Amino acid sequence: MATPLDDQALDQLFRTARTFNHYRDEPVGEDTLRAIWELMKMGPTSANQLPARLVWCVTDEAKATLAAACSDSNRDKVLKAPVSVILGMDVEFHEHLPELFPHVDAKSWFDGNRELREASAFRNSSLQGGYLILAARALGLDMGPMSGFDAGAVDKAFFADTPAVRTNFIATLGYGDPATLHPRSPRPAFETFNRLA
């Protein structure tokens, strides 16, 4: 049986963790990006679909290309972050299921049904996006997930060679600068958005 995490770990992952738009001038190396992937890929998805496809924008050129597809309020965030990441979703994820979910013919569930694949790719890549954030926080980093971008332009710039992949969301990554934080936004009580049935 697993042991509950201690308060320090829960704080780092949830209670005192924050979304950052500004980061310290401290690089994030490829080894750290690989460590994030090694954690996030272990998070559960339906039938181990793993439809997320990540592009880690680490060069100035890649960040500039991504920033050009962002809203005015997000461009500077992308340009100044140590890393910006695009989380895409592969609607042809089912082609990998014979390897990723070998004990059942799960590929046949999705063959010929693009609508089902798109819904499943969006749902499960979004789950993986949550695991991405938690993995980064677990390794001492901070993230700033965002909307506010032209998904078609991002797809054209970064996924032109893989047309089955479409952008789900983008985020910045680094070591957050706490001096730039505003007060935490409120969170509702259990009773506000929950009910027991």
Protein backbone atom coordinates (compact mmCIF):
# COMPACT_ATOMS: atom_id res chain seq x y z
CA MET A 1 0.00 0.00 0.00
CA ALA A 2 1.32 3.46 -0.92
CA THR A 3 2.14 5.93 1.83
CA PRO A 4 0.57 9.42 1.60
CA LEU A 5 3.01 12.15 0.61
CA ASP A 6 4.15 14.47 3.36
CA ASP A 7 3.00 18.08 3.62
CA GLN A 8 6.14 19.44 1.97
CA ALA A 9 5.54 17.33 -1.14
CA LEU A 10 1.84 18.21 -1.25
CA ASP A 11 2.70 21.90 -0.95
CA GLN A 12 5.23 21.65 -3.79
CA LEU A 13 2.79 19.89 -6.08
CA PHE A 14 -0.44 21.69 -5.17
CA ARG A 15 -0.97 23.94 -2.18
CA THR A 16 1.82 26.48 -2.53
CA ALA A 17 2.68 25.78 -6.18
CA ARG A 18 1.90 28.66 -8.50
CA THR A 19 1.52 29.39 -12.19
CA PHE A 20 4.44 31.54 -13.32
CA ASN A 21 4.76 34.04 -16.15
CA HIS A 22 8.28 35.20 -15.24
CA TYR A 23 11.34 33.11 -14.49
CA ARG A 24 14.80 33.48 -13.01
CA ASP A 25 17.64 33.68 -15.51
CA GLU A 26 18.57 30.05 -14.98
CA PRO A 27 18.81 27.52 -17.81
CA VAL A 28 16.87 24.28 -18.00
CA GLY A 29 18.97 21.54 -19.58
CA GLU A 30 17.93 18.72 -21.88
CA ASP A 31 18.58 16.20 -19.12
CA THR A 32 15.89 17.92 -17.04
CA LEU A 33 13.42 17.88 -19.95
CA ARG A 34 14.09 14.16 -20.38
CA ALA A 35 13.54 13.63 -16.64
CA ILE A 36 10.17 15.41 -16.89
CA TRP A 37 9.17 13.10 -19.75
CA GLU A 38 10.27 10.00 -17.85
CA LEU A 39 7.87 10.95 -15.05
CA MET A 40 4.92 12.26 -17.06
CA LYS A 41 4.80 9.25 -19.39
CA MET A 42 3.98 7.07 -16.39
CA GLY A 43 0.68 8.86 -15.70
CA PRO A 44 -2.39 6.83 -16.66
CA THR A 45 -4.23 7.30 -19.93
CA SER A 46 -7.08 5.24 -21.33
CA ALA A 47 -5.66 2.01 -22.78
CA ASN A 48 -2.18 3.54 -22.39
CA GLN A 49 -2.87 5.70 -25.45
CA LEU A 50 -0.18 8.32 -24.69
CA PRO A 51 -1.31 10.67 -27.51
CA ALA A 52 0.70 13.71 -26.31
CA ARG A 53 3.52 14.87 -28.58
CA LEU A 54 5.81 17.53 -27.13
CA VAL A 55 7.96 20.14 -28.79
CA TRP A 56 10.40 21.74 -26.35
CA CYS A 57 11.26 25.21 -27.66
CA VAL A 58 14.75 25.80 -26.30
CA THR A 59 16.33 27.93 -29.05
CA ASP A 60 15.64 31.61 -29.60
CA GLU A 61 14.48 30.76 -33.13
CA ALA A 62 11.90 28.21 -31.95
CA LYS A 63 10.63 30.52 -29.21
CA ALA A 64 10.31 33.38 -31.72
CA THR A 65 8.33 31.17 -34.09
CA LEU A 66 5.99 30.13 -31.28
CA ALA A 67 5.68 33.69 -29.97
CA ALA A 68 4.60 34.88 -33.43
CA ALA A 69 1.52 32.64 -33.10
CA CYS A 70 0.65 33.93 -29.62
CA SER A 71 -1.63 36.71 -28.46
CA ASP A 72 -0.01 40.02 -27.54
CA SER A 73 -0.15 39.22 -23.83
CA ASN A 74 1.61 35.85 -24.27
CA ARG A 75 4.41 36.70 -26.74
CA ASP A 76 6.80 38.11 -24.17
CA LYS A 77 6.21 35.19 -21.81
CA VAL A 78 7.22 32.70 -24.49
CA LEU A 79 10.27 34.69 -25.59
CA LYS A 80 11.66 35.24 -22.09
CA ALA A 81 11.04 31.80 -20.56
CA PRO A 82 14.02 29.42 -20.44
CA VAL A 83 11.85 26.84 -22.26
CA SER A 84 8.46 26.96 -23.91
CA VAL A 85 6.68 23.72 -24.69
CA ILE A 86 3.96 22.79 -27.14
CA LEU A 87 1.78 19.90 -26.08
CA GLY A 88 0.30 18.39 -29.20
CA MET A 89 -2.10 15.48 -29.60
CA ASP A 90 -1.71 12.72 -32.15
CA VAL A 91 -5.08 11.66 -33.59
CA GLU A 92 -3.34 8.61 -35.08
CA PHE A 93 -2.21 7.44 -31.62
CA HIS A 94 -3.97 4.13 -32.21
CA GLU A 95 -1.20 3.06 -34.60
CA HIS A 96 1.06 2.67 -31.55
CA LEU A 97 -1.41 0.66 -29.45
CA PRO A 98 -0.13 -2.78 -30.56
CA GLU A 99 3.13 -1.84 -28.81
CA LEU A 100 1.74 0.27 -25.95
CA PHE A 101 -1.29 -1.91 -25.07
CA PRO A 102 -0.31 -5.33 -26.43
CA HIS A 103 -2.60 -7.61 -24.44
CA VAL A 104 -5.79 -6.49 -26.29
CA ASP A 105 -6.44 -5.47 -29.91
CA ALA A 106 -7.18 -1.87 -28.88
CA LYS A 107 -6.16 -0.50 -32.27
CA SER A 108 -9.30 -2.00 -33.79
CA TRP A 109 -11.45 0.11 -31.44
CA PHE A 110 -10.29 3.24 -33.27
CA ASP A 111 -9.71 2.07 -36.85
CA GLY A 112 -11.99 3.99 -39.21
CA ASN A 113 -13.42 6.23 -36.48
CA ARG A 114 -11.62 9.57 -36.59
CA GLU A 115 -14.24 11.29 -34.43
CA LEU A 116 -13.58 8.83 -31.60
CA ARG A 117 -9.81 9.19 -32.04
CA GLU A 118 -10.00 13.00 -31.89
CA ALA A 119 -12.10 12.96 -28.73
CA SER A 120 -9.83 10.41 -27.09
CA ALA A 121 -6.63 12.17 -28.18
CA PHE A 122 -7.87 15.46 -26.72
CA ARG A 123 -9.01 13.90 -23.44
CA ASN A 124 -5.90 11.83 -22.86
CA SER A 125 -3.36 14.40 -24.05
CA SER A 126 -5.00 16.87 -21.66
CA LEU A 127 -4.44 14.35 -18.87
CA GLN A 128 -0.83 14.12 -19.94
CA GLY A 129 -0.61 17.90 -19.82
CA GLY A 130 -1.58 17.74 -16.16
CA TYR A 131 1.09 15.11 -15.58
CA LEU A 132 3.59 17.37 -17.34
CA ILE A 133 2.90 20.18 -14.88
CA LEU A 134 3.10 17.88 -11.86
CA ALA A 135 6.30 16.24 -13.11
CA ALA A 136 7.92 19.65 -13.58
CA ARG A 137 6.85 20.74 -10.10
CA ALA A 138 8.09 17.47 -8.60
CA LEU A 139 11.53 18.22 -10.08
CA GLY A 140 11.59 21.75 -8.66
CA LEU A 141 10.49 23.68 -11.74
CA ASP A 142 7.52 25.92 -12.44
CA MET A 143 5.20 26.22 -15.41
CA GLY A 144 2.81 28.66 -17.01
CA PRO A 145 0.25 26.82 -19.16
CA MET A 146 -1.73 29.05 -21.50
CA SER A 147 -4.30 29.45 -24.20
CA GLY A 148 -4.14 32.65 -26.22
CA PHE A 149 -2.46 31.40 -29.39
CA ASP A 150 -3.36 30.54 -32.97
CA ALA A 151 -3.40 26.75 -32.95
CA GLY A 152 -3.44 26.56 -36.73
CA ALA A 153 -0.31 28.69 -36.96
CA VAL A 154 1.42 26.59 -34.30
CA ASP A 155 0.46 23.41 -36.15
CA LYS A 156 1.76 24.81 -39.44
CA ALA A 157 5.05 25.89 -37.88
CA PHE A 158 5.78 22.84 -35.73
CA PHE A 159 3.68 19.90 -36.94
CA ALA A 160 3.65 20.34 -40.74
CA ASP A 161 5.60 17.10 -41.14
CA THR A 162 3.19 15.22 -38.84
CA PRO A 163 -0.31 16.29 -39.97
CA ALA A 164 -2.03 13.88 -37.56
CA VAL A 165 -0.68 15.97 -34.65
CA ARG A 166 -2.53 19.09 -33.56
CA THR A 167 -1.78 21.53 -30.76
CA ASN A 168 -3.65 21.12 -27.48
CA PHE A 169 -1.98 23.86 -25.40
CA ILE A 170 1.32 25.61 -24.82
CA ALA A 171 3.25 26.46 -21.66
CA THR A 172 6.38 28.12 -20.37
CA LEU A 173 8.84 26.32 -18.13
CA GLY A 174 11.65 27.36 -15.82
CA TYR A 175 12.47 28.35 -12.27
CA GLY A 176 9.80 30.86 -11.33
CA ASP A 177 10.60 34.31 -9.99
CA PRO A 178 8.46 34.64 -6.84
CA ALA A 179 8.95 38.43 -6.78
CA THR A 180 6.66 38.68 -9.82
CA LEU A 181 3.69 36.80 -8.36
CA HIS A 182 0.35 38.43 -7.66
CA PRO A 183 -1.77 37.20 -4.72
CA ARG A 184 -3.16 33.71 -5.23
CA SER A 185 -6.60 33.63 -6.80
CA PRO A 186 -9.30 32.06 -4.64
CA ARG A 187 -10.28 28.42 -4.74
CA PRO A 188 -13.84 27.30 -3.92
CA ALA A 189 -14.92 25.15 -1.00
CA PHE A 190 -15.77 21.53 -1.66
CA GLU A 191 -19.50 22.27 -1.47
CA THR A 192 -19.37 24.87 -4.24
CA PHE A 193 -18.63 22.55 -7.16
CA ASN A 194 -19.05 19.06 -5.72
CA ARG A 195 -21.91 16.84 -4.69
CA LEU A 196 -22.06 13.35 -3.35
CA ALA A 197 -24.44 11.08 -5.25
